[in-house]
Amino acid sequence: MHNIYIRKVEVRGGHAQNTVIYTFHNVSQFWTFSPAAFLAQPVYSRDYPPCRYCA
């Protein structure tokens, strides 16, 4: 679990700096999915999901 920070650039004292405007606490790499359900999905690749517009 990690914190995700939403930041914006502000100029303070003549220098640009990142300022945190919101924090999402304890975000999983699997977002809202259970790890088992997420890992059961096929791996995203060039062939998956299939391109329906490719010849």
Protein backbone atom coordinates (compact mmCIF):
# COMPACT_ATOMS: atom_id res chain seq x y z
CA MET A 1 0.00 0.00 0.00
CA HIS A 2 1.25 3.43 -0.94
CA ASN A 3 0.09 7.01 -0.71
CA ILE A 4 -0.64 8.78 -4.01
CA TYR A 5 -0.14 12.54 -4.07
CA ILE A 6 -1.88 15.01 -6.37
CA ARG A 7 0.41 18.00 -6.79
CA LYS A 8 0.50 21.32 -8.57
CA VAL A 9 3.41 23.59 -9.40
CA GLU A 10 3.47 26.92 -7.59
CA VAL A 11 6.00 29.71 -7.70
CA ARG A 12 7.12 30.74 -4.23
CA GLY A 13 10.02 33.02 -3.52
CA GLY A 14 10.86 33.14 -7.22
CA HIS A 15 11.23 29.35 -7.47
CA ALA A 16 8.85 26.71 -8.78
CA GLN A 17 7.92 24.01 -6.31
CA ASN A 18 5.47 21.10 -6.14
CA THR A 19 2.69 21.57 -3.60
CA VAL A 20 0.53 18.65 -2.48
CA ILE A 21 -3.16 19.47 -2.93
CA TYR A 22 -4.63 16.02 -2.12
CA THR A 23 -3.42 12.65 -0.82
CA PHE A 24 -5.00 9.27 -1.49
CA HIS A 25 -3.99 7.11 1.46
CA ASN A 26 -3.12 3.39 1.28
CA VAL A 27 -3.73 2.79 -2.43
CA SER A 28 -3.15 -0.78 -3.58
CA GLN A 29 -1.44 -1.59 -6.87
CA PHE A 30 -4.57 -3.61 -7.63
CA TRP A 31 -6.82 -0.55 -7.00
CA THR A 32 -10.27 -1.88 -6.02
CA PHE A 33 -9.73 -5.47 -7.25
CA SER A 34 -8.69 -8.32 -5.00
CA PRO A 35 -5.12 -9.42 -5.82
CA ALA A 36 -6.29 -12.92 -6.81
CA ALA A 37 -8.95 -11.58 -9.21
CA PHE A 38 -6.53 -9.08 -10.74
CA LEU A 39 -3.76 -11.61 -11.28
CA ALA A 40 -6.21 -14.08 -12.85
CA GLN A 41 -6.71 -11.66 -15.77
CA PRO A 42 -4.57 -12.04 -18.93
CA VAL A 43 -1.45 -9.92 -19.06
CA TYR A 44 -1.87 -6.76 -21.16
CA SER A 45 0.27 -7.11 -24.26
CA ARG A 46 0.43 -6.21 -27.92
CA ASP A 47 -1.95 -9.10 -28.65
CA TYR A 48 -4.36 -8.62 -25.74
CA PRO A 49 -6.86 -7.09 -25.84
CA PRO A 50 -7.28 -7.99 -29.51
CA CYS A 51 -7.45 -5.13 -32.00
CA ARG A 52 -10.78 -5.30 -33.82
CA TYR A 53 -9.69 -2.68 -36.37
CA CYS A 54 -6.36 -4.28 -37.35
CA ALA A 55 -6.13 -6.27 -40.59
